[in-house]
Amino acid sequence: MLWKKTWEIVRELRGGFTRKQTFLWFSVAVVGFCTRGDLAGVSSFIRCLGLGERYYDPLVGFFASKAIRLDQLTVLWVGFVMRIFPLLRLHGRILLVADGIKVSKEGRKMPGVKLLHQESQ
């Protein structure tokens, strides 16, 4: 039932892709993000979904595809979210709350770099 509902949601985003094949790779990527057991990128999708190595390059290619209409995909996603979830409005505008905490990253100095500026420090 969970995957049926996931497919219903993903299917609503079909208009964000100019090619059916790109949309289907998007669907594979969504399932991969949901089920992967590690953070090894596309390799983790291939492993968790039981796909053969011949699917690695096409799946990597999906992420750089020109058949993704990001502007349309964004409109479809926002429309879906606004339709499904109750959103708080204040003076006619949607109110979103976000965490603005920035955590600095510690790391080694890079050769040839005198100073790295990080806003959160």
PDB file of N, CA and C in Angstrom:
ATOM      1  N   MET A   1       0.829  -1.197   0.000  1.00  0.00           N
ATOM      2  CA  MET A   1       0.000   0.000   0.000  1.00  0.00           C
ATOM      3  C   MET A   1       0.876   1.265   0.000  1.00  0.00           C
ATOM      4  N   LEU A   2       2.004   1.209   0.734  1.00  0.00           N
ATOM      5  CA  LEU A   2       2.908   2.361   0.784  1.00  0.00           C
ATOM      6  C   LEU A   2       3.457   2.685  -0.602  1.00  0.00           C
ATOM      7  N   TRP A   3       3.885   1.647  -1.344  1.00  0.00           N
ATOM      8  CA  TRP A   3       4.450   1.893  -2.676  1.00  0.00           C
ATOM      9  C   TRP A   3       3.391   2.334  -3.663  1.00  0.00           C
ATOM     10  N   LYS A   4       2.165   1.876  -3.468  1.00  0.00           N
ATOM     11  CA  LYS A   4       1.067   2.333  -4.333  1.00  0.00           C
ATOM     12  C   LYS A   4       0.854   3.835  -4.134  1.00  0.00           C
ATOM     13  N   LYS A   5       0.848   4.264  -2.885  1.00  0.00           N
ATOM     14  CA  LYS A   5       0.673   5.693  -2.586  1.00  0.00           C
ATOM     15  C   LYS A   5       1.864   6.502  -3.100  1.00  0.00           C
ATOM     16  N   THR A   6       3.069   5.941  -2.947  1.00  0.00           N
ATOM     17  CA  THR A   6       4.268   6.617  -3.457  1.00  0.00           C
ATOM     18  C   THR A   6       4.153   6.806  -4.962  1.00  0.00           C
ATOM     19  N   TRP A   7       3.721   5.768  -5.676  1.00  0.00           N
ATOM     20  CA  TRP A   7       3.564   5.871  -7.131  1.00  0.00           C
ATOM     21  C   TRP A   7       2.513   6.920  -7.489  1.00  0.00           C
ATOM     22  N   GLU A   8       1.426   7.004  -6.737  1.00  0.00           N
ATOM     23  CA  GLU A   8       0.394   8.022  -7.001  1.00  0.00           C
ATOM     24  C   GLU A   8       0.986   9.427  -6.874  1.00  0.00           C
ATOM     25  N   ILE A   9       1.831   9.629  -5.885  1.00  0.00           N
ATOM     26  CA  ILE A   9       2.466  10.944  -5.688  1.00  0.00           C
ATOM     27  C   ILE A   9       3.452  11.225  -6.815  1.00  0.00           C
ATOM     28  N   VAL A  10       4.321  10.263  -7.107  1.00  0.00           N
ATOM     29  CA  VAL A  10       5.339  10.440  -8.150  1.00  0.00           C
ATOM     30  C   VAL A  10       4.676  10.696  -9.497  1.00  0.00           C
ATOM     31  N   ARG A  11       3.598   9.989  -9.775  1.00  0.00           N
ATOM     32  CA  ARG A  11       2.897  10.135 -11.061  1.00  0.00           C
ATOM     33  C   ARG A  11       2.380  11.557 -11.271  1.00  0.00           C
ATOM     34  N   GLU A  12       2.055  12.238 -10.197  1.00  0.00           N
ATOM     35  CA  GLU A  12       1.584  13.625 -10.316  1.00  0.00           C
ATOM     36  C   GLU A  12       2.671  14.565 -10.820  1.00  0.00           C
ATOM     37  N   LEU A  13       3.919  14.129 -10.748  1.00  0.00           N
ATOM     38  CA  LEU A  13       5.043  14.965 -11.161  1.00  0.00           C
ATOM     39  C   LEU A  13       5.473  14.695 -12.608  1.00  0.00           C
ATOM     40  N   ARG A  14       4.731  13.866 -13.330  1.00  0.00           N
ATOM     41  CA  ARG A  14       5.092  13.470 -14.703  1.00  0.00           C
ATOM     42  C   ARG A  14       5.293  14.674 -15.611  1.00  0.00           C
ATOM     43  N   GLY A  15       4.526  15.723 -15.439  1.00  0.00           N
ATOM     44  CA  GLY A  15       4.620  16.911 -16.284  1.00  0.00           C
ATOM     45  C   GLY A  15       5.941  17.652 -16.171  1.00  0.00           C
ATOM     46  N   GLY A  16       6.757  17.297 -15.196  1.00  0.00           N
ATOM     47  CA  GLY A  16       8.054  17.943 -15.023  1.00  0.00           C
ATOM     48  C   GLY A  16       9.154  17.319 -15.871  1.00  0.00           C
ATOM     49  N   PHE A  17       8.785  16.383 -16.741  1.00  0.00           N
ATOM     50  CA  PHE A  17       9.771  15.678 -17.562  1.00  0.00           C
ATOM     51  C   PHE A  17       9.292  15.656 -19.007  1.00  0.00           C
ATOM     52  N   THR A  18      10.176  15.969 -19.934  1.00  0.00           N
ATOM     53  CA  THR A  18       9.788  15.981 -21.345  1.00  0.00           C
ATOM     54  C   THR A  18       9.788  14.581 -21.954  1.00  0.00           C
ATOM     55  N   ARG A  19      10.482  13.646 -21.341  1.00  0.00           N
ATOM     56  CA  ARG A  19      10.546  12.282 -21.855  1.00  0.00           C
ATOM     57  C   ARG A  19      10.045  11.289 -20.813  1.00  0.00           C
ATOM     58  N   LYS A  20       9.309  10.294 -21.279  1.00  0.00           N
ATOM     59  CA  LYS A  20       8.786   9.263 -20.376  1.00  0.00           C
ATOM     60  C   LYS A  20       9.925   8.497 -19.714  1.00  0.00           C
ATOM     61  N   GLN A  21      10.979   8.202 -20.473  1.00  0.00           N
ATOM     62  CA  GLN A  21      12.102   7.443 -19.930  1.00  0.00           C
ATOM     63  C   GLN A  21      12.765   8.192 -18.767  1.00  0.00           C
ATOM     64  N   THR A  22      12.900   9.501 -18.895  1.00  0.00           N
ATOM     65  CA  THR A  22      13.486  10.300 -17.817  1.00  0.00           C
ATOM     66  C   THR A  22      12.586  10.266 -16.589  1.00  0.00           C
ATOM     67  N   PHE A  23      11.288  10.337 -16.799  1.00  0.00           N
ATOM     68  CA  PHE A  23      10.341  10.247 -15.685  1.00  0.00           C
ATOM     69  C   PHE A  23      10.464   8.895 -14.981  1.00  0.00           C
ATOM     70  N   LEU A  24      10.614   7.831 -15.756  1.00  0.00           N
ATOM     71  CA  LEU A  24      10.739   6.502 -15.143  1.00  0.00           C
ATOM     72  C   LEU A  24      12.040   6.383 -14.354  1.00  0.00           C
ATOM     73  N   TRP A  25      13.140   6.977 -14.848  1.00  0.00           N
ATOM     74  CA  TRP A  25      14.393   6.981 -14.073  1.00  0.00           C
ATOM     75  C   TRP A  25      14.211   7.805 -12.805  1.00  0.00           C
ATOM     76  N   PHE A  26      13.446   8.875 -12.876  1.00  0.00           N
ATOM     77  CA  PHE A  26      13.128   9.663 -11.685  1.00  0.00           C
ATOM     78  C   PHE A  26      12.419   8.778 -10.656  1.00  0.00           C
ATOM     79  N   SER A  27      11.485   7.976 -11.123  1.00  0.00           N
ATOM     80  CA  SER A  27      10.757   7.070 -10.231  1.00  0.00           C
ATOM     81  C   SER A  27      11.701   6.083  -9.566  1.00  0.00           C
ATOM     82  N   VAL A  28      12.644   5.549 -10.334  1.00  0.00           N
ATOM     83  CA  VAL A  28      13.642   4.629  -9.778  1.00  0.00           C
ATOM     84  C   VAL A  28      14.476   5.353  -8.719  1.00  0.00           C
ATOM     85  N   ALA A  29      14.874   6.600  -9.014  1.00  0.00           N
ATOM     86  CA  ALA A  29      15.682   7.372  -8.064  1.00  0.00           C
ATOM     87  C   ALA A  29      14.910   7.627  -6.766  1.00  0.00           C
ATOM     88  N   VAL A  30      13.628   7.937  -6.872  1.00  0.00           N
ATOM     89  CA  VAL A  30      12.812   8.176  -5.673  1.00  0.00           C
ATOM     90  C   VAL A  30      12.774   6.918  -4.807  1.00  0.00           C
ATOM     91  N   VAL A  31      12.536   5.776  -5.427  1.00  0.00           N
ATOM     92  CA  VAL A  31      12.503   4.515  -4.674  1.00  0.00           C
ATOM     93  C   VAL A  31      13.884   4.225  -4.084  1.00  0.00           C
ATOM     94  N   GLY A  32      14.932   4.530  -4.844  1.00  0.00           N
ATOM     95  CA  GLY A  32      16.292   4.340  -4.344  1.00  0.00           C
ATOM     96  C   GLY A  32      16.575   5.197  -3.123  1.00  0.00           C
ATOM     97  N   PHE A  33      16.156   6.466  -3.169  1.00  0.00           N
ATOM     98  CA  PHE A  33      16.341   7.345  -2.012  1.00  0.00           C
ATOM     99  C   PHE A  33      15.595   6.806  -0.794  1.00  0.00           C
ATOM    100  N   CYS A  34      14.425   6.214  -1.019  1.00  0.00           N
ATOM    101  CA  CYS A  34      13.603   5.724   0.091  1.00  0.00           C
ATOM    102  C   CYS A  34      14.123   4.437   0.706  1.00  0.00           C
ATOM    103  N   THR A  35      14.840   3.626  -0.063  1.00  0.00           N
ATOM    104  CA  THR A  35      15.178   2.287   0.416  1.00  0.00           C
ATOM    105  C   THR A  35      16.664   2.029   0.624  1.00  0.00           C
ATOM    106  N   ARG A  36      17.519   2.930   0.215  1.00  0.00           N
ATOM    107  CA  ARG A  36      18.959   2.660   0.309  1.00  0.00           C
ATOM    108  C   ARG A  36      19.408   2.542   1.766  1.00  0.00           C
ATOM    109  N   GLY A  37      20.429   1.738   1.957  1.00  0.00           N
ATOM    110  CA  GLY A  37      20.927   1.495   3.307  1.00  0.00           C
ATOM    111  C   GLY A  37      22.206   2.239   3.615  1.00  0.00           C
ATOM    112  N   ASP A  38      22.771   2.915   2.608  1.00  0.00           N
ATOM    113  CA  ASP A  38      24.002   3.674   2.827  1.00  0.00           C
ATOM    114  C   ASP A  38      23.950   4.941   1.980  1.00  0.00           C
ATOM    115  N   LEU A  39      24.961   5.757   2.093  1.00  0.00           N
ATOM    116  CA  LEU A  39      24.974   7.041   1.390  1.00  0.00           C
ATOM    117  C   LEU A  39      26.009   7.054   0.263  1.00  0.00           C
ATOM    118  N   ALA A  40      26.105   5.960  -0.464  1.00  0.00           N
ATOM    119  CA  ALA A  40      27.111   5.840  -1.519  1.00  0.00           C
ATOM    120  C   ALA A  40      26.577   6.271  -2.881  1.00  0.00           C
ATOM    121  N   GLY A  41      25.602   7.149  -2.904  1.00  0.00           N
ATOM    122  CA  GLY A  41      25.090   7.697  -4.155  1.00  0.00           C
ATOM    123  C   GLY A  41      24.362   6.672  -4.999  1.00  0.00           C
ATOM    124  N   VAL A  42      24.547   6.784  -6.308  1.00  0.00           N
ATOM    125  CA  VAL A  42      23.850   5.914  -7.250  1.00  0.00           C
ATOM    126  C   VAL A  42      24.180   4.448  -7.001  1.00  0.00           C
ATOM    127  N   SER A  43      25.394   4.164  -6.567  1.00  0.00           N
ATOM    128  CA  SER A  43      25.767   2.776  -6.264  1.00  0.00           C
ATOM    129  C   SER A  43      24.840   2.177  -5.204  1.00  0.00           C
ATOM    130  N   SER A  44      24.458   2.973  -4.225  1.00  0.00           N
ATOM    131  CA  SER A  44      23.560   2.452  -3.191  1.00  0.00           C
ATOM    132  C   SER A  44      22.171   2.176  -3.765  1.00  0.00           C
ATOM    133  N   PHE A  45      21.731   2.978  -4.750  1.00  0.00           N
ATOM    134  CA  PHE A  45      20.439   2.717  -5.405  1.00  0.00           C
ATOM    135  C   PHE A  45      20.495   1.382  -6.140  1.00  0.00           C
ATOM    136  N   ILE A  46      21.590   1.182  -6.872  1.00  0.00           N
ATOM    137  CA  ILE A  46      21.758  -0.044  -7.652  1.00  0.00           C
ATOM    138  C   ILE A  46      21.723  -1.261  -6.725  1.00  0.00           C
ATOM    139  N   ARG A  47      22.437  -1.186  -5.598  1.00  0.00           N
ATOM    140  CA  ARG A  47      22.481  -2.301  -4.657  1.00  0.00           C
ATOM    141  C   ARG A  47      21.121  -2.572  -4.013  1.00  0.00           C
ATOM    142  N   CYS A  48      20.497  -1.529  -3.468  1.00  0.00           N
ATOM    143  CA  CYS A  48      19.260  -1.752  -2.710  1.00  0.00           C
ATOM    144  C   CYS A  48      18.101  -2.185  -3.599  1.00  0.00           C
ATOM    145  N   LEU A  49      18.127  -1.788  -4.864  1.00  0.00           N
ATOM    146  CA  LEU A  49      17.045  -2.165  -5.769  1.00  0.00           C
ATOM    147  C   LEU A  49      17.351  -3.453  -6.527  1.00  0.00           C
ATOM    148  N   GLY A  50      18.557  -3.980  -6.340  1.00  0.00           N
ATOM    149  CA  GLY A  50      18.921  -5.217  -7.005  1.00  0.00           C
ATOM    150  C   GLY A  50      19.094  -5.071  -8.508  1.00  0.00           C
ATOM    151  N   LEU A  51      19.490  -3.879  -8.940  1.00  0.00           N
ATOM    152  CA  LEU A  51      19.689  -3.638 -10.372  1.00  0.00           C
ATOM    153  C   LEU A  51      21.085  -4.104 -10.782  1.00  0.00           C
ATOM    154  N   GLY A  52      21.224  -4.467 -12.019  1.00  0.00           N
ATOM    155  CA  GLY A  52      22.526  -4.880 -12.525  1.00  0.00           C
ATOM    156  C   GLY A  52      23.405  -3.667 -12.793  1.00  0.00           C
ATOM    157  N   GLU A  53      24.700  -3.916 -12.962  1.00  0.00           N
ATOM    158  CA  GLU A  53      25.652  -2.817 -13.171  1.00  0.00           C
ATOM    159  C   GLU A  53      25.390  -2.067 -14.469  1.00  0.00           C
ATOM    160  N   ARG A  54      24.691  -2.681 -15.421  1.00  0.00           N
ATOM    161  CA  ARG A  54      24.407  -1.987 -16.688  1.00  0.00           C
ATOM    162  C   ARG A  54      23.460  -0.797 -16.509  1.00  0.00           C
ATOM    163  N   TYR A  55      22.792  -0.727 -15.368  1.00  0.00           N
ATOM    164  CA  TYR A  55      21.873   0.386 -15.105  1.00  0.00           C
ATOM    165  C   TYR A  55      22.552   1.567 -14.407  1.00  0.00           C
ATOM    166  N   TYR A  56      23.805   1.401 -14.029  1.00  0.00           N
ATOM    167  CA  TYR A  56      24.516   2.465 -13.311  1.00  0.00           C
ATOM    168  C   TYR A  56      24.623   3.739 -14.172  1.00  0.00           C
ATOM    169  N   ASP A  57      25.171   3.629 -15.382  1.00  0.00           N
ATOM    170  CA  ASP A  57      25.372   4.813 -16.232  1.00  0.00           C
ATOM    171  C   ASP A  57      24.049   5.515 -16.591  1.00  0.00           C
ATOM    172  N   PRO A  58      23.001   4.778 -16.981  1.00  0.00           N
ATOM    173  CA  PRO A  58      21.742   5.473 -17.253  1.00  0.00           C
ATOM    174  C   PRO A  58      21.176   6.208 -16.035  1.00  0.00           C
ATOM    175  N   LEU A  59      21.346   5.622 -14.847  1.00  0.00           N
ATOM    176  CA  LEU A  59      20.835   6.274 -13.647  1.00  0.00           C
ATOM    177  C   LEU A  59      21.659   7.507 -13.304  1.00  0.00           C
ATOM    178  N   VAL A  60      22.964   7.437 -13.474  1.00  0.00           N
ATOM    179  CA  VAL A  60      23.811   8.619 -13.279  1.00  0.00           C
ATOM    180  C   VAL A  60      23.413   9.698 -14.290  1.00  0.00           C
ATOM    181  N   GLY A  61      23.190   9.285 -15.536  1.00  0.00           N
ATOM    182  CA  GLY A  61      22.801  10.224 -16.590  1.00  0.00           C
ATOM    183  C   GLY A  61      21.488  10.934 -16.300  1.00  0.00           C
ATOM    184  N   PHE A  62      20.592  10.259 -15.597  1.00  0.00           N
ATOM    185  CA  PHE A  62      19.313  10.886 -15.250  1.00  0.00           C
ATOM    186  C   PHE A  62      19.524  12.199 -14.497  1.00  0.00           C
ATOM    187  N   PHE A  63      20.475  12.221 -13.571  1.00  0.00           N
ATOM    188  CA  PHE A  63      20.663  13.392 -12.716  1.00  0.00           C
ATOM    189  C   PHE A  63      21.163  14.615 -13.481  1.00  0.00           C
ATOM    190  N   ALA A  64      21.673  14.422 -14.700  1.00  0.00           N
ATOM    191  CA  ALA A  64      22.137  15.545 -15.521  1.00  0.00           C
ATOM    192  C   ALA A  64      21.268  15.714 -16.760  1.00  0.00           C
ATOM    193  N   SER A  65      20.126  15.067 -16.789  1.00  0.00           N
ATOM    194  CA  SER A  65      19.279  15.064 -17.979  1.00  0.00           C
ATOM    195  C   SER A  65      18.693  16.439 -18.282  1.00  0.00           C
ATOM    196  N   LYS A  66      18.686  16.767 -19.559  1.00  0.00           N
ATOM    197  CA  LYS A  66      18.060  18.006 -20.009  1.00  0.00           C
ATOM    198  C   LYS A  66      16.544  17.831 -20.169  1.00  0.00           C
ATOM    199  N   ALA A  67      16.065  16.606 -19.988  1.00  0.00           N
ATOM    200  CA  ALA A  67      14.637  16.327 -20.095  1.00  0.00           C
ATOM    201  C   ALA A  67      13.896  16.613 -18.791  1.00  0.00           C
ATOM    202  N   ILE A  68      14.621  17.073 -17.781  1.00  0.00           N
ATOM    203  CA  ILE A  68      13.989  17.473 -16.520  1.00  0.00           C
ATOM    204  C   ILE A  68      13.664  18.953 -16.621  1.00  0.00           C
ATOM    205  N   ARG A  69      12.398  19.281 -16.511  1.00  0.00           N
ATOM    206  CA  ARG A  69      11.971  20.688 -16.532  1.00  0.00           C
ATOM    207  C   ARG A  69      11.794  21.123 -15.072  1.00  0.00           C
ATOM    208  N   LEU A  70      12.895  21.582 -14.499  1.00  0.00           N
ATOM    209  CA  LEU A  70      12.924  21.880 -13.073  1.00  0.00           C
ATOM    210  C   LEU A  70      11.888  22.932 -12.671  1.00  0.00           C
ATOM    211  N   ASP A  71      11.692  23.942 -13.518  1.00  0.00           N
ATOM    212  CA  ASP A  71      10.683  24.966 -13.201  1.00  0.00           C
ATOM    213  C   ASP A  71       9.285  24.354 -13.118  1.00  0.00           C
ATOM    214  N   GLN A  72       8.939  23.491 -14.058  1.00  0.00           N
ATOM    215  CA  GLN A  72       7.629  22.840 -14.054  1.00  0.00           C
ATOM    216  C   GLN A  72       7.516  21.826 -12.925  1.00  0.00           C
ATOM    217  N   LEU A  73       8.598  21.103 -12.666  1.00  0.00           N
ATOM    218  CA  LEU A  73       8.609  20.124 -11.580  1.00  0.00           C
ATOM    219  C   LEU A  73       8.380  20.818 -10.239  1.00  0.00           C
ATOM    220  N   THR A  74       8.996  21.978 -10.056  1.00  0.00           N
ATOM    221  CA  THR A  74       8.811  22.754  -8.829  1.00  0.00           C
ATOM    222  C   THR A  74       7.365  23.199  -8.669  1.00  0.00           C
ATOM    223  N   VAL A  75       6.765  23.688  -9.748  1.00  0.00           N
ATOM    224  CA  VAL A  75       5.367  24.128  -9.709  1.00  0.00           C
ATOM    225  C   VAL A  75       4.450  22.951  -9.343  1.00  0.00           C
ATOM    226  N   LEU A  76       4.701  21.806  -9.964  1.00  0.00           N
ATOM    227  CA  LEU A  76       3.882  20.626  -9.672  1.00  0.00           C
ATOM    228  C   LEU A  76       4.035  20.179  -8.216  1.00  0.00           C
ATOM    229  N   TRP A  77       5.281  20.178  -7.711  1.00  0.00           N
ATOM    230  CA  TRP A  77       5.528  19.743  -6.332  1.00  0.00           C
ATOM    231  C   TRP A  77       4.879  20.698  -5.327  1.00  0.00           C
ATOM    232  N   VAL A  78       5.070  21.990  -5.526  1.00  0.00           N
ATOM    233  CA  VAL A  78       4.473  22.973  -4.605  1.00  0.00           C
ATOM    234  C   VAL A  78       2.951  22.870  -4.651  1.00  0.00           C
ATOM    235  N   GLY A  79       2.396  22.725  -5.836  1.00  0.00           N
ATOM    236  CA  GLY A  79       0.941  22.568  -5.961  1.00  0.00           C
ATOM    237  C   GLY A  79       0.444  21.336  -5.219  1.00  0.00           C
ATOM    238  N   PHE A  80       1.184  20.248  -5.341  1.00  0.00           N
ATOM    239  CA  PHE A  80       0.816  19.006  -4.645  1.00  0.00           C
ATOM    240  C   PHE A  80       0.869  19.200  -3.131  1.00  0.00           C
ATOM    241  N   VAL A  81       1.952  19.776  -2.648  1.00  0.00           N
ATOM    242  CA  VAL A  81       2.111  19.998  -1.203  1.00  0.00           C
ATOM    243  C   VAL A  81       1.003  20.899  -0.675  1.00  0.00           C
ATOM    244  N   MET A  82       0.685  21.946  -1.401  1.00  0.00           N
ATOM    245  CA  MET A  82      -0.360  22.877  -0.947  1.00  0.00           C
ATOM    246  C   MET A  82      -1.738  22.220  -0.955  1.00  0.00           C
ATOM    247  N   ARG A  83      -1.950  21.279  -1.855  1.00  0.00           N
ATOM    248  CA  ARG A  83      -3.229  20.577  -1.940  1.00  0.00           C
ATOM    249  C   ARG A  83      -3.375  19.534  -0.838  1.00  0.00           C
ATOM    250  N   ILE A  84      -2.305  18.876  -0.464  1.00  0.00           N
ATOM    251  CA  ILE A  84      -2.363  17.739   0.463  1.00  0.00           C
ATOM    252  C   ILE A  84      -2.195  18.136   1.927  1.00  0.00           C
ATOM    253  N   PHE A  85      -1.256  19.039   2.198  1.00  0.00           N
ATOM    254  CA  PHE A  85      -0.941  19.373   3.579  1.00  0.00           C
ATOM    255  C   PHE A  85      -1.578  20.693   3.990  1.00  0.00           C
ATOM    256  N   PRO A  86      -2.061  20.746   5.237  1.00  0.00           N
ATOM    257  CA  PRO A  86      -2.609  22.015   5.720  1.00  0.00           C
ATOM    258  C   PRO A  86      -1.465  23.012   5.958  1.00  0.00           C
ATOM    259  N   LEU A  87      -1.546  24.150   5.316  1.00  0.00           N
ATOM    260  CA  LEU A  87      -0.506  25.165   5.461  1.00  0.00           C
ATOM    261  C   LEU A  87      -1.059  26.350   6.235  1.00  0.00           C
ATOM    262  N   LEU A  88      -0.280  26.839   7.150  1.00  0.00           N
ATOM    263  CA  LEU A  88      -0.673  27.983   7.955  1.00  0.00           C
ATOM    264  C   LEU A  88      -0.494  29.256   7.140  1.00  0.00           C
ATOM    265  N   ARG A  89      -1.512  30.080   7.122  1.00  0.00           N
ATOM    266  CA  ARG A  89      -1.433  31.353   6.398  1.00  0.00           C
ATOM    267  C   ARG A  89      -1.534  32.509   7.389  1.00  0.00           C
ATOM    268  N   LEU A  90      -0.753  33.546   7.126  1.00  0.00           N
ATOM    269  CA  LEU A  90      -0.750  34.737   7.947  1.00  0.00           C
ATOM    270  C   LEU A  90      -0.878  35.927   7.011  1.00  0.00           C
ATOM    271  N   HIS A  91      -1.939  36.688   7.126  1.00  0.00           N
ATOM    272  CA  HIS A  91      -2.219  37.816   6.252  1.00  0.00           C
ATOM    273  C   HIS A  91      -2.209  37.390   4.782  1.00  0.00           C
ATOM    274  N   GLY A  92      -2.797  36.220   4.503  1.00  0.00           N
ATOM    275  CA  GLY A  92      -2.911  35.734   3.137  1.00  0.00           C
ATOM    276  C   GLY A  92      -1.659  35.082   2.564  1.00  0.00           C
ATOM    277  N   ARG A  93      -0.592  35.035   3.343  1.00  0.00           N
ATOM    278  CA  ARG A  93       0.656  34.428   2.865  1.00  0.00           C
ATOM    279  C   ARG A  93       0.945  33.162   3.642  1.00  0.00           C
ATOM    280  N   ILE A  94       1.559  32.183   2.965  1.00  0.00           N
ATOM    281  CA  ILE A  94       1.918  30.924   3.614  1.00  0.00           C
ATOM    282  C   ILE A  94       3.074  31.176   4.567  1.00  0.00           C
ATOM    283  N   LEU A  95       2.951  30.644   5.781  1.00  0.00           N
ATOM    284  CA  LEU A  95       3.992  30.796   6.789  1.00  0.00           C
ATOM    285  C   LEU A  95       4.800  29.504   6.858  1.00  0.00           C
ATOM    286  N   LEU A  96       6.091  29.609   6.603  1.00  0.00           N
ATOM    287  CA  LEU A  96       6.995  28.474   6.692  1.00  0.00           C
ATOM    288  C   LEU A  96       8.002  28.734   7.795  1.00  0.00           C
ATOM    289  N   VAL A  97       8.295  27.714   8.573  1.00  0.00           N
ATOM    290  CA  VAL A  97       9.267  27.832   9.648  1.00  0.00           C
ATOM    291  C   VAL A  97      10.477  26.983   9.273  1.00  0.00           C
ATOM    292  N   ALA A  98      11.662  27.568   9.381  1.00  0.00           N
ATOM    293  CA  ALA A  98      12.882  26.845   9.033  1.00  0.00           C
ATOM    294  C   ALA A  98      13.917  27.032  10.124  1.00  0.00           C
ATOM    295  N   ASP A  99      14.820  26.088  10.219  1.00  0.00           N
ATOM    296  CA  ASP A  99      15.902  26.139  11.189  1.00  0.00           C
ATOM    297  C   ASP A  99      17.059  26.899  10.559  1.00  0.00           C
ATOM    298  N   GLY A 100      17.457  27.994  11.135  1.00  0.00           N
ATOM    299  CA  GLY A 100      18.531  28.803  10.578  1.00  0.00           C
ATOM    300  C   GLY A 100      19.886  28.556  11.218  1.00  0.00           C
ATOM    301  N   ILE A 101      20.013  27.496  11.995  1.00  0.00           N
ATOM    302  CA  ILE A 101      21.288  27.208  12.663  1.00  0.00           C
ATOM    303  C   ILE A 101      22.301  26.719  11.635  1.00  0.00           C
ATOM    304  N   LYS A 102      23.475  27.289  11.688  1.00  0.00           N
ATOM    305  CA  LYS A 102      24.552  26.865  10.802  1.00  0.00           C
ATOM    306  C   LYS A 102      25.647  26.244  11.652  1.00  0.00           C
ATOM    307  N   VAL A 103      26.038  25.050  11.309  1.00  0.00           N
ATOM    308  CA  VAL A 103      27.072  24.338  12.042  1.00  0.00           C
ATOM    309  C   VAL A 103      28.357  24.394  11.235  1.00  0.00           C
ATOM    310  N   SER A 104      29.416  24.868  11.847  1.00  0.00           N
ATOM    311  CA  SER A 104      30.683  24.959  11.117  1.00  0.00           C
ATOM    312  C   SER A 104      31.268  23.573  10.927  1.00  0.00           C
ATOM    313  N   LYS A 105      31.968  23.422   9.829  1.00  0.00           N
ATOM    314  CA  LYS A 105      32.623  22.153   9.527  1.00  0.00           C
ATOM    315  C   LYS A 105      34.102  22.295   9.822  1.00  0.00           C
ATOM    316  N   GLU A 106      34.627  21.329  10.507  1.00  0.00           N
ATOM    317  CA  GLU A 106      36.047  21.330  10.825  1.00  0.00           C
ATOM    318  C   GLU A 106      36.769  20.477   9.801  1.00  0.00           C
ATOM    319  N   GLY A 107      37.932  20.918   9.402  1.00  0.00           N
ATOM    320  CA  GLY A 107      38.695  20.128   8.441  1.00  0.00           C
ATOM    321  C   GLY A 107      40.139  20.566   8.408  1.00  0.00           C
ATOM    322  N   ARG A 108      40.929  19.825   7.665  1.00  0.00           N
ATOM    323  CA  ARG A 108      42.333  20.167   7.537  1.00  0.00           C
ATOM    324  C   ARG A 108      42.495  21.360   6.605  1.00  0.00           C
ATOM    325  N   LYS A 109      43.600  22.059   6.765  1.00  0.00           N
ATOM    326  CA  LYS A 109      43.892  23.175   5.877  1.00  0.00           C
ATOM    327  C   LYS A 109      44.310  22.639   4.514  1.00  0.00           C
ATOM    328  N   MET A 110      43.912  23.374   3.495  1.00  0.00           N
ATOM    329  CA  MET A 110      44.285  22.983   2.147  1.00  0.00           C
ATOM    330  C   MET A 110      45.588  23.672   1.765  1.00  0.00           C
ATOM    331  N   PRO A 111      46.454  22.975   1.049  1.00  0.00           N
ATOM    332  CA  PRO A 111      47.717  23.588   0.631  1.00  0.00           C
ATOM    333  C   PRO A 111      47.463  24.801  -0.247  1.00  0.00           C
ATOM    334  N   GLY A 112      48.173  25.868   0.004  1.00  0.00           N
ATOM    335  CA  GLY A 112      48.046  27.075  -0.801  1.00  0.00           C
ATOM    336  C   GLY A 112      46.897  27.985  -0.413  1.00  0.00           C
ATOM    337  N   VAL A 113      46.098  27.596   0.580  1.00  0.00           N
ATOM    338  CA  VAL A 113      44.975  28.414   1.024  1.00  0.00           C
ATOM    339  C   VAL A 113      45.345  29.018   2.367  1.00  0.00           C
ATOM    340  N   LYS A 114      45.370  30.356   2.428  1.00  0.00           N
ATOM    341  CA  LYS A 114      45.769  31.017   3.665  1.00  0.00           C
ATOM    342  C   LYS A 114      44.642  31.037   4.697  1.00  0.00           C
ATOM    343  N   LEU A 115      43.418  31.331   4.240  1.00  0.00           N
ATOM    344  CA  LEU A 115      42.315  31.466   5.187  1.00  0.00           C
ATOM    345  C   LEU A 115      41.020  31.096   4.490  1.00  0.00           C
ATOM    346  N   LEU A 116      40.223  30.310   5.157  1.00  0.00           N
ATOM    347  CA  LEU A 116      38.891  29.997   4.661  1.00  0.00           C
ATOM    348  C   LEU A 116      37.882  30.710   5.547  1.00  0.00           C
ATOM    349  N   HIS A 117      36.991  31.461   4.938  1.00  0.00           N
ATOM    350  CA  HIS A 117      35.974  32.173   5.694  1.00  0.00           C
ATOM    351  C   HIS A 117      34.703  31.333   5.702  1.00  0.00           C
ATOM    352  N   GLN A 118      34.129  31.145   6.874  1.00  0.00           N
ATOM    353  CA  GLN A 118      32.867  30.449   6.986  1.00  0.00           C
ATOM    354  C   GLN A 118      31.949  31.312   7.828  1.00  0.00           C
ATOM    355  N   GLU A 119      30.788  31.613   7.267  1.00  0.00           N
ATOM    356  CA  GLU A 119      29.851  32.551   7.883  1.00  0.00           C
ATOM    357  C   GLU A 119      29.433  32.129   9.290  1.00  0.00           C
ATOM    358  N   SER A 120      29.351  30.823   9.554  1.00  0.00           N
ATOM    359  CA  SER A 120      28.841  30.363  10.830  1.00  0.00           C
ATOM    360  C   SER A 120      29.858  30.440  11.974  1.00  0.00           C
ATOM    361  N   GLN A 121      31.117  30.741  11.671  1.00  0.00           N
ATOM    362  CA  GLN A 121      32.129  30.783  12.733  1.00  0.00           C
ATOM    363  C   GLN A 121      32.064  32.085  13.501  1.00  0.00           C
TER     364      GLN A 121
END
